[in-house]
PDB file of N, CA and C in Angstrom:
ATOM      1  N   MET A   1      86.418  82.257  88.918  1.00  0.00           N
ATOM      2  CA  MET A   1      86.949  83.256  90.377  1.00  0.00           C
ATOM      3  C   MET A   1      85.389  83.376  91.360  1.00  0.00           C
ATOM      4  N   THR A   2      85.439  82.900  92.493  1.00  0.00           N
ATOM      5  CA  THR A   2      84.318  83.360  93.410  1.00  0.00           C
ATOM      6  C   THR A   2      84.729  84.502  94.049  1.00  0.00           C
ATOM      7  N   VAL A   3      83.184  84.997  94.784  1.00  0.00           N
ATOM      8  CA  VAL A   3      83.713  86.463  95.261  1.00  0.00           C
ATOM      9  C   VAL A   3      84.508  86.381  96.037  1.00  0.00           C
ATOM     10  N   LEU A   4      84.524  85.607  97.222  1.00  0.00           N
ATOM     11  CA  LEU A   4      85.769  85.378  98.120  1.00  0.00           C
ATOM     12  C   LEU A   4      87.027  85.370  97.620  1.00  0.00           C
ATOM     13  N   GLU A   5      87.358  84.887  96.475  1.00  0.00           N
ATOM     14  CA  GLU A   5      88.641  84.836  95.643  1.00  0.00           C
ATOM     15  C   GLU A   5      88.945  86.174  95.311  1.00  0.00           C
ATOM     16  N   ARG A   6      87.834  86.687  94.610  1.00  0.00           N
ATOM     17  CA  ARG A   6      88.423  88.174  94.191  1.00  0.00           C
ATOM     18  C   ARG A   6      88.330  89.023  95.556  1.00  0.00           C
ATOM     19  N   GLU A   7      87.860  89.160  96.367  1.00  0.00           N
ATOM     20  CA  GLU A   7      88.523  90.130  97.576  1.00  0.00           C
ATOM     21  C   GLU A   7      89.713  89.639  98.140  1.00  0.00           C
ATOM     22  N   ALA A   8      89.710  88.429  97.984  1.00  0.00           N
ATOM     23  CA  ALA A   8      91.212  88.037  98.805  1.00  0.00           C
ATOM     24  C   ALA A   8      92.402  88.607  98.027  1.00  0.00           C
ATOM     25  N   CYS A   9      92.070  88.479  96.628  1.00  0.00           N
ATOM     26  CA  CYS A   9      93.209  89.142  95.679  1.00  0.00           C
ATOM     27  C   CYS A   9      93.510  90.532  95.578  1.00  0.00           C
ATOM     28  N   THR A  10      92.007  91.571  96.395  1.00  0.00           N
ATOM     29  CA  THR A  10      92.058  92.858  96.016  1.00  0.00           C
ATOM     30  C   THR A  10      92.460  93.348  97.483  1.00  0.00           C
ATOM     31  N   ALA A  11      92.218  92.297  98.415  1.00  0.00           N
ATOM     32  CA  ALA A  11      92.336  93.036  99.931  1.00  0.00           C
ATOM     33  C   ALA A  11      93.794  93.613 100.285  1.00  0.00           C
ATOM     34  N   PRO A  12      93.766  94.841 100.565  1.00  0.00           N
ATOM     35  CA  PRO A  12      94.818  95.159 100.814  1.00  0.00           C
ATOM     36  C   PRO A  12      96.029  94.476 102.118  1.00  0.00           C
ATOM     37  N   ARG A  13      97.277  94.211 101.333  1.00  0.00           N
ATOM     38  CA  ARG A  13      98.435  93.007 102.206  1.00  0.00           C
ATOM     39  C   ARG A  13      99.437  94.363 102.971  1.00  0.00           C
ATOM     40  N   PRO A  14      99.807  93.823 103.998  1.00  0.00           N
ATOM     41  CA  PRO A  14     100.748  94.523 104.684  1.00  0.00           C
ATOM     42  C   PRO A  14     101.588  94.500 103.786  1.00  0.00           C
ATOM     43  N   VAL A  15     102.724  95.506 103.894  1.00  0.00           N
ATOM     44  CA  VAL A  15     103.975  96.165 103.130  1.00  0.00           C
ATOM     45  C   VAL A  15     104.975  95.617 104.037  1.00  0.00           C
ATOM     46  N   VAL A  16     106.007  94.844 103.766  1.00  0.00           N
ATOM     47  CA  VAL A  16     106.993  93.810 104.596  1.00  0.00           C
ATOM     48  C   VAL A  16     108.245  94.339 104.077  1.00  0.00           C
ATOM     49  N   ALA A  17     109.379  94.908 104.752  1.00  0.00           N
ATOM     50  CA  ALA A  17     110.577  95.253 104.167  1.00  0.00           C
ATOM     51  C   ALA A  17     111.724  93.980 104.196  1.00  0.00           C
ATOM     52  N   ALA A  18     111.884  93.471 103.485  1.00  0.00           N
ATOM     53  CA  ALA A  18     113.166  92.327 103.424  1.00  0.00           C
ATOM     54  C   ALA A  18     114.338  92.519 104.330  1.00  0.00           C
ATOM     55  N   ALA A  19     115.048  91.555 104.730  1.00  0.00           N
ATOM     56  CA  ALA A  19     116.240  92.316 105.267  1.00  0.00           C
ATOM     57  C   ALA A  19     117.379  93.434 104.852  1.00  0.00           C
ATOM     58  N   GLY A  20     117.622  92.708 103.426  1.00  0.00           N
ATOM     59  CA  GLY A  20     118.323  93.890 103.094  1.00  0.00           C
ATOM     60  C   GLY A  20     117.666  95.071 102.352  1.00  0.00           C
ATOM     61  N   TYR A  21     116.553  95.307 102.446  1.00  0.00           N
ATOM     62  CA  TYR A  21     115.843  96.549 101.817  1.00  0.00           C
ATOM     63  C   TYR A  21     116.215  97.859 102.638  1.00  0.00           C
ATOM     64  N   ALA A  22     116.361  97.721 103.642  1.00  0.00           N
ATOM     65  CA  ALA A  22     116.977  99.379 104.208  1.00  0.00           C
ATOM     66  C   ALA A  22     118.135  99.577 103.869  1.00  0.00           C
ATOM     67  N   HIS A  23     119.098  98.625 103.400  1.00  0.00           N
ATOM     68  CA  HIS A  23     119.960  99.000 103.181  1.00  0.00           C
ATOM     69  C   HIS A  23     120.486  99.216 101.896  1.00  0.00           C
ATOM     70  N   SER A  24     119.764  98.864 100.848  1.00  0.00           N
ATOM     71  CA  SER A  24     119.498  99.278  99.838  1.00  0.00           C
ATOM     72  C   SER A  24     118.847 100.544  99.679  1.00  0.00           C
ATOM     73  N   ARG A  25     117.622 100.921 100.333  1.00  0.00           N
ATOM     74  CA  ARG A  25     117.072 102.519 100.423  1.00  0.00           C
ATOM     75  C   ARG A  25     117.878 103.581 100.787  1.00  0.00           C
ATOM     76  N   ALA A  26     118.834 103.128 102.241  1.00  0.00           N
ATOM     77  CA  ALA A  26     119.712 103.987 102.520  1.00  0.00           C
ATOM     78  C   ALA A  26     120.790 104.337 101.471  1.00  0.00           C
ATOM     79  N   ALA A  27     121.213 103.482 100.736  1.00  0.00           N
ATOM     80  CA  ALA A  27     122.444 103.880  99.600  1.00  0.00           C
ATOM     81  C   ALA A  27     121.477 105.236  98.451  1.00  0.00           C
ATOM     82  N   LEU A  28     120.347 105.096  98.722  1.00  0.00           N
ATOM     83  CA  LEU A  28     119.748 106.337  97.691  1.00  0.00           C
ATOM     84  C   LEU A  28     120.085 107.540  98.281  1.00  0.00           C
ATOM     85  N   ASP A  29     120.253 107.879  99.500  1.00  0.00           N
ATOM     86  CA  ASP A  29     120.451 109.267 100.364  1.00  0.00           C
ATOM     87  C   ASP A  29     121.321 110.045  99.546  1.00  0.00           C
ATOM     88  N   ARG A  30     122.301 109.577  98.649  1.00  0.00           N
ATOM     89  CA  ARG A  30     122.989 110.683  97.982  1.00  0.00           C
ATOM     90  C   ARG A  30     122.765 111.095  96.751  1.00  0.00           C
ATOM     91  N   ILE A  31     121.469 110.366  96.239  1.00  0.00           N
ATOM     92  CA  ILE A  31     120.992 110.645  95.142  1.00  0.00           C
ATOM     93  C   ILE A  31     119.734 111.868  95.412  1.00  0.00           C
ATOM     94  N   PRO A  32     120.114 113.087  94.803  1.00  0.00           N
ATOM     95  CA  PRO A  32     118.671 114.458  94.864  1.00  0.00           C
ATOM     96  C   PRO A  32     117.570 113.418  94.184  1.00  0.00           C
ATOM     97  N   ASN A  33     116.351 113.963  94.879  1.00  0.00           N
ATOM     98  CA  ASN A  33     115.091 113.568  94.674  1.00  0.00           C
ATOM     99  C   ASN A  33     114.761 111.959  94.856  1.00  0.00           C
ATOM    100  N   ALA A  34     115.629 110.943  95.182  1.00  0.00           N
ATOM    101  CA  ALA A  34     115.400 109.712  95.256  1.00  0.00           C
ATOM    102  C   ALA A  34     114.481 109.249  96.116  1.00  0.00           C
ATOM    103  N   GLU A  35     114.354 109.943  97.220  1.00  0.00           N
ATOM    104  CA  GLU A  35     113.285 109.875  98.514  1.00  0.00           C
ATOM    105  C   GLU A  35     111.852 109.637  97.943  1.00  0.00           C
ATOM    106  N   ARG A  36     111.593 110.958  96.985  1.00  0.00           N
ATOM    107  CA  ARG A  36     110.476 110.795  96.112  1.00  0.00           C
ATOM    108  C   ARG A  36     109.844 109.841  95.527  1.00  0.00           C
ATOM    109  N   VAL A  37     110.973 109.437  94.562  1.00  0.00           N
ATOM    110  CA  VAL A  37     110.781 108.666  93.667  1.00  0.00           C
ATOM    111  C   VAL A  37     110.511 106.885  94.308  1.00  0.00           C
ATOM    112  N   ALA A  38     111.207 106.863  95.324  1.00  0.00           N
ATOM    113  CA  ALA A  38     111.113 105.715  96.053  1.00  0.00           C
ATOM    114  C   ALA A  38     109.900 105.621  96.901  1.00  0.00           C
ATOM    115  N   ALA A  39     109.663 106.578  97.109  1.00  0.00           N
ATOM    116  CA  ALA A  39     108.324 106.407  98.163  1.00  0.00           C
ATOM    117  C   ALA A  39     107.277 106.404  96.764  1.00  0.00           C
ATOM    118  N   ALA A  40     107.207 106.720  96.086  1.00  0.00           N
ATOM    119  CA  ALA A  40     106.298 106.850  94.805  1.00  0.00           C
ATOM    120  C   ALA A  40     106.462 105.197  94.436  1.00  0.00           C
ATOM    121  N   LEU A  41     106.948 104.559  94.089  1.00  0.00           N
ATOM    122  CA  LEU A  41     107.211 103.189  93.716  1.00  0.00           C
ATOM    123  C   LEU A  41     106.922 102.400  95.008  1.00  0.00           C
ATOM    124  N   GLU A  42     106.946 102.598  96.111  1.00  0.00           N
ATOM    125  CA  GLU A  42     107.054 101.541  97.131  1.00  0.00           C
ATOM    126  C   GLU A  42     105.047 101.776  97.231  1.00  0.00           C
ATOM    127  N   SER A  43     104.551 103.074  97.198  1.00  0.00           N
ATOM    128  CA  SER A  43     103.246 103.568  97.517  1.00  0.00           C
ATOM    129  C   SER A  43     102.479 102.264  96.359  1.00  0.00           C
ATOM    130  N   LEU A  44     103.046 102.342  95.057  1.00  0.00           N
ATOM    131  CA  LEU A  44     102.558 101.860  93.747  1.00  0.00           C
ATOM    132  C   LEU A  44     102.713 100.592  93.942  1.00  0.00           C
ATOM    133  N   ALA A  45     103.173 100.199  94.597  1.00  0.00           N
ATOM    134  CA  ALA A  45     103.734  98.397  94.616  1.00  0.00           C
ATOM    135  C   ALA A  45     102.556  97.536  95.761  1.00  0.00           C
ATOM    136  N   ALA A  46     102.423  98.859  96.926  1.00  0.00           N
ATOM    137  CA  ALA A  46     101.715  98.309  98.127  1.00  0.00           C
ATOM    138  C   ALA A  46     100.255  98.521  97.160  1.00  0.00           C
ATOM    139  N   ALA A  47      99.693  99.433  96.769  1.00  0.00           N
ATOM    140  CA  ALA A  47      98.517  99.698  96.396  1.00  0.00           C
ATOM    141  C   ALA A  47      97.960  98.610  95.101  1.00  0.00           C
ATOM    142  N   ARG A  48      98.620  98.074  94.449  1.00  0.00           N
ATOM    143  CA  ARG A  48      98.635  97.620  93.099  1.00  0.00           C
ATOM    144  C   ARG A  48      99.650  96.210  92.846  1.00  0.00           C
ATOM    145  N   PRO A  49      99.392  95.655  93.601  1.00  0.00           N
ATOM    146  CA  PRO A  49     100.844  94.778  93.702  1.00  0.00           C
ATOM    147  C   PRO A  49     100.759  93.693  92.444  1.00  0.00           C
ATOM    148  N   GLU A  50      99.873  93.124  91.956  1.00  0.00           N
ATOM    149  CA  GLU A  50      99.569  92.426  90.830  1.00  0.00           C
ATOM    150  C   GLU A  50      99.355  92.760  89.853  1.00  0.00           C
ATOM    151  N   ASP A  51      99.747  94.061  89.465  1.00  0.00           N
ATOM    152  CA  ASP A  51      99.686  94.918  88.306  1.00  0.00           C
ATOM    153  C   ASP A  51     100.775  94.803  87.537  1.00  0.00           C
ATOM    154  N   VAL A  52     101.916  94.395  88.026  1.00  0.00           N
ATOM    155  CA  VAL A  52     103.485  93.962  87.270  1.00  0.00           C
ATOM    156  C   VAL A  52     103.327  92.811  87.095  1.00  0.00           C
ATOM    157  N   ASP A  53     103.787  91.767  86.250  1.00  0.00           N
ATOM    158  CA  ASP A  53     104.093  90.395  85.916  1.00  0.00           C
ATOM    159  C   ASP A  53     105.520  90.101  86.446  1.00  0.00           C
ATOM    160  N   PRO A  54     105.253  88.855  87.079  1.00  0.00           N
ATOM    161  CA  PRO A  54     106.646  88.353  87.401  1.00  0.00           C
ATOM    162  C   PRO A  54     107.693  87.889  86.789  1.00  0.00           C
ATOM    163  N   VAL A  55     108.820  88.310  87.067  1.00  0.00           N
ATOM    164  CA  VAL A  55     109.827  88.007  86.099  1.00  0.00           C
ATOM    165  C   VAL A  55     109.680  86.806  85.763  1.00  0.00           C
ATOM    166  N   PRO A  56     109.616  86.328  84.441  1.00  0.00           N
ATOM    167  CA  PRO A  56     109.864  84.493  84.362  1.00  0.00           C
ATOM    168  C   PRO A  56     110.711  83.468  85.259  1.00  0.00           C
ATOM    169  N   GLY A  57     109.827  82.685  85.558  1.00  0.00           N
ATOM    170  CA  GLY A  57     110.317  81.901  86.325  1.00  0.00           C
ATOM    171  C   GLY A  57     110.752  81.963  87.766  1.00  0.00           C
ATOM    172  N   THR A  58     110.344  83.285  88.185  1.00  0.00           N
ATOM    173  CA  THR A  58     110.628  83.353  89.484  1.00  0.00           C
ATOM    174  C   THR A  58     109.297  84.485  90.232  1.00  0.00           C
ATOM    175  N   ILE A  59     109.464  84.801  91.308  1.00  0.00           N
ATOM    176  CA  ILE A  59     108.016  85.461  92.274  1.00  0.00           C
ATOM    177  C   ILE A  59     108.872  86.911  92.210  1.00  0.00           C
ATOM    178  N   VAL A  60     109.601  87.209  91.741  1.00  0.00           N
ATOM    179  CA  VAL A  60     109.599  88.520  92.137  1.00  0.00           C
ATOM    180  C   VAL A  60     109.454  89.435  90.757  1.00  0.00           C
ATOM    181  N   ARG A  61     108.913  90.591  91.070  1.00  0.00           N
ATOM    182  CA  ARG A  61     108.472  91.640  90.326  1.00  0.00           C
ATOM    183  C   ARG A  61     109.264  93.190  90.452  1.00  0.00           C
ATOM    184  N   VAL A  62     109.303  93.668  89.376  1.00  0.00           N
ATOM    185  CA  VAL A  62     110.142  94.989  89.329  1.00  0.00           C
ATOM    186  C   VAL A  62     109.305  96.170  88.763  1.00  0.00           C
ATOM    187  N   LEU A  63     109.017  97.123  89.292  1.00  0.00           N
ATOM    188  CA  LEU A  63     108.645  98.282  89.393  1.00  0.00           C
ATOM    189  C   LEU A  63     109.657  99.459  88.610  1.00  0.00           C
ATOM    190  N   ARG A  64     109.765  99.764  87.573  1.00  0.00           N
ATOM    191  CA  ARG A  64     110.723 101.032  87.219  1.00  0.00           C
ATOM    192  C   ARG A  64     110.084 102.349  87.129  1.00  0.00           C
ATOM    193  N   ALA A  65     110.988 103.369  87.531  1.00  0.00           N
ATOM    194  CA  ALA A  65     110.510 104.666  87.266  1.00  0.00           C
ATOM    195  C   ALA A  65     111.779 105.056  86.307  1.00  0.00           C
ATOM    196  N   HIS A  66     111.085 105.883  85.095  1.00  0.00           N
ATOM    197  CA  HIS A  66     112.287 106.429  84.575  1.00  0.00           C
ATOM    198  C   HIS A  66     113.241 107.795  84.487  1.00  0.00           C
ATOM    199  N   ARG A  67     114.132 108.089  84.516  1.00  0.00           N
ATOM    200  CA  ARG A  67     114.366 109.426  84.652  1.00  0.00           C
ATOM    201  C   ARG A  67     113.780 110.396  84.284  1.00  0.00           C
ATOM    202  N   TYR A  68     113.561 111.468  84.801  1.00  0.00           N
ATOM    203  CA  TYR A  68     112.551 112.803  84.292  1.00  0.00           C
ATOM    204  C   TYR A  68     112.969 113.651  85.074  1.00  0.00           C
ATOM    205  N   GLY A  69     113.314 114.677  84.579  1.00  0.00           N
ATOM    206  CA  GLY A  69     114.283 115.694  84.940  1.00  0.00           C
ATOM    207  C   GLY A  69     115.679 115.734  85.699  1.00  0.00           C
ATOM    208  N   ASP A  70     115.067 116.216  87.077  1.00  0.00           N
ATOM    209  CA  ASP A  70     115.837 116.294  87.968  1.00  0.00           C
ATOM    210  C   ASP A  70     115.457 114.614  89.270  1.00  0.00           C
ATOM    211  N   PHE A  71     114.767 113.838  88.398  1.00  0.00           N
ATOM    212  CA  PHE A  71     114.188 112.616  89.024  1.00  0.00           C
ATOM    213  C   PHE A  71     115.001 111.690  88.550  1.00  0.00           C
ATOM    214  N   PRO A  72     115.630 110.825  89.684  1.00  0.00           N
ATOM    215  CA  PRO A  72     116.284 109.870  89.155  1.00  0.00           C
ATOM    216  C   PRO A  72     115.588 108.210  88.725  1.00  0.00           C
ATOM    217  N   ALA A  73     116.097 107.686  87.748  1.00  0.00           N
ATOM    218  CA  ALA A  73     115.699 106.312  87.517  1.00  0.00           C
ATOM    219  C   ALA A  73     115.630 105.618  88.772  1.00  0.00           C
ATOM    220  N   LEU A  74     114.539 104.796  89.043  1.00  0.00           N
ATOM    221  CA  LEU A  74     114.868 103.694  90.197  1.00  0.00           C
ATOM    222  C   LEU A  74     113.957 102.717  89.688  1.00  0.00           C
ATOM    223  N   ARG A  75     114.761 101.182  90.331  1.00  0.00           N
ATOM    224  CA  ARG A  75     113.857 100.041  90.199  1.00  0.00           C
ATOM    225  C   ARG A  75     113.579  99.578  91.225  1.00  0.00           C
ATOM    226  N   LEU A  76     112.648  98.970  91.705  1.00  0.00           N
ATOM    227  CA  LEU A  76     112.200  98.367  92.872  1.00  0.00           C
ATOM    228  C   LEU A  76     111.759  96.998  92.423  1.00  0.00           C
ATOM    229  N   TYR A  77     112.328  95.908  93.338  1.00  0.00           N
ATOM    230  CA  TYR A  77     111.962  94.550  93.463  1.00  0.00           C
ATOM    231  C   TYR A  77     111.260  94.103  94.625  1.00  0.00           C
ATOM    232  N   TYR A  78     110.117  93.528  94.266  1.00  0.00           N
ATOM    233  CA  TYR A  78     109.263  93.356  95.153  1.00  0.00           C
ATOM    234  C   TYR A  78     108.802  91.821  94.974  1.00  0.00           C
ATOM    235  N   SER A  79     107.990  91.300  95.698  1.00  0.00           N
ATOM    236  CA  SER A  79     107.122  90.003  95.858  1.00  0.00           C
ATOM    237  C   SER A  79     105.932  90.016  96.459  1.00  0.00           C
ATOM    238  N   VAL A  80     105.126  89.311  95.699  1.00  0.00           N
ATOM    239  CA  VAL A  80     103.386  89.421  96.419  1.00  0.00           C
ATOM    240  C   VAL A  80     103.218  87.657  96.907  1.00  0.00           C
ATOM    241  N   ASP A  81     102.411  87.393  98.006  1.00  0.00           N
ATOM    242  CA  ASP A  81     101.863  86.221  98.468  1.00  0.00           C
ATOM    243  C   ASP A  81     101.165  86.541  98.944  1.00  0.00           C
ATOM    244  N   ALA A  82     100.205  85.579  99.544  1.00  0.00           N
ATOM    245  CA  ALA A  82      98.701  85.424 100.143  1.00  0.00           C
ATOM    246  C   ALA A  82      98.972  86.556 101.448  1.00  0.00           C
ATOM    247  N   VAL A  83      99.947  86.535 102.287  1.00  0.00           N
ATOM    248  CA  VAL A  83     100.208  87.293 103.212  1.00  0.00           C
ATOM    249  C   VAL A  83     100.589  88.728 103.308  1.00  0.00           C
ATOM    250  N   ALA A  84     101.658  89.031 102.423  1.00  0.00           N
ATOM    251  CA  ALA A  84     102.294  90.611 102.189  1.00  0.00           C
ATOM    252  C   ALA A  84     102.498  91.028 101.050  1.00  0.00           C
ATOM    253  N   VAL A  85     102.923  92.162 100.776  1.00  0.00           N
ATOM    254  CA  VAL A  85     103.756  92.514  99.434  1.00  0.00           C
ATOM    255  C   VAL A  85     105.287  92.600 100.143  1.00  0.00           C
ATOM    256  N   ARG A  86     106.232  92.223  99.567  1.00  0.00           N
ATOM    257  CA  ARG A  86     107.593  91.862 100.428  1.00  0.00           C
ATOM    258  C   ARG A  86     108.387  93.017  99.693  1.00  0.00           C
ATOM    259  N   LEU A  87     109.379  93.987  99.925  1.00  0.00           N
ATOM    260  CA  LEU A  87     109.902  94.664  99.355  1.00  0.00           C
ATOM    261  C   LEU A  87     111.143  94.234  99.339  1.00  0.00           C
ATOM    262  N   LEU A  88     111.946  93.747  98.356  1.00  0.00           N
ATOM    263  CA  LEU A  88     113.020  93.180  98.466  1.00  0.00           C
ATOM    264  C   LEU A  88     114.709  93.912  98.139  1.00  0.00           C
ATOM    265  N   ARG A  89     114.650  94.965  97.215  1.00  0.00           N
ATOM    266  CA  ARG A  89     116.042  95.988  96.735  1.00  0.00           C
ATOM    267  C   ARG A  89     115.168  96.972  96.212  1.00  0.00           C
ATOM    268  N   ILE A  90     115.946  97.913  96.583  1.00  0.00           N
ATOM    269  CA  ILE A  90     115.909  99.092  95.240  1.00  0.00           C
ATOM    270  C   ILE A  90     116.916 100.018  94.923  1.00  0.00           C
ATOM    271  N   GLU A  91     116.899 100.112  93.783  1.00  0.00           N
ATOM    272  CA  GLU A  91     118.463 100.755  93.234  1.00  0.00           C
ATOM    273  C   GLU A  91     118.188 101.464  92.049  1.00  0.00           C
ATOM    274  N   GLU A  92     119.293 102.282  91.903  1.00  0.00           N
ATOM    275  CA  GLU A  92     119.288 103.061  90.776  1.00  0.00           C
ATOM    276  C   GLU A  92     119.530 102.485  89.447  1.00  0.00           C
ATOM    277  N   TRP A  93     119.050 102.617  88.518  1.00  0.00           N
ATOM    278  CA  TRP A  93     119.338 102.119  87.079  1.00  0.00           C
ATOM    279  C   TRP A  93     119.296 102.549  85.749  1.00  0.00           C
ATOM    280  N   ASP A  94     120.086 102.470  84.813  1.00  0.00           N
ATOM    281  CA  ASP A  94     120.476 102.810  83.404  1.00  0.00           C
ATOM    282  C   ASP A  94     119.628 102.538  82.297  1.00  0.00           C
ATOM    283  N   ALA A  95     118.601 103.023  81.711  1.00  0.00           N
ATOM    284  CA  ALA A  95     117.699 102.418  80.838  1.00  0.00           C
ATOM    285  C   ALA A  95     118.440 101.827  79.608  1.00  0.00           C
ATOM    286  N   MET A  96     119.701 102.256  79.378  1.00  0.00           N
ATOM    287  CA  MET A  96     120.763 101.529  78.257  1.00  0.00           C
ATOM    288  C   MET A  96     120.829 100.366  78.852  1.00  0.00           C
ATOM    289  N   GLU A  97     120.685  99.855  80.036  1.00  0.00           N
ATOM    290  CA  GLU A  97     120.484  98.278  80.606  1.00  0.00           C
ATOM    291  C   GLU A  97     119.970  97.381  79.951  1.00  0.00           C
ATOM    292  N   ALA A  98     118.765  97.845  79.862  1.00  0.00           N
ATOM    293  CA  ALA A  98     117.781  97.295  79.159  1.00  0.00           C
ATOM    294  C   ALA A  98     116.577  96.759  80.434  1.00  0.00           C
TER     295      ALA A  98
END
């Protein structure tokens, strides 16, 4: 990998919300502390998007926050391309679902 390719991989990309993302984010309003967990997941996806491997056969990556005390378990779906980090959906999840 050349220096330019390495810089292209590490250069920060803009974060873009897909059309339905705001709706899935708004659905979390009823869950206490969801805003804090969602913001942390979004920040992590923006800062280190390639740290999570895509779901096999797709371009979608999934970041998970496990339930901890009063903080809910959330799952953030996003994708990464040369142009942007795209937030696709965020939702509450149950670790028993796998």
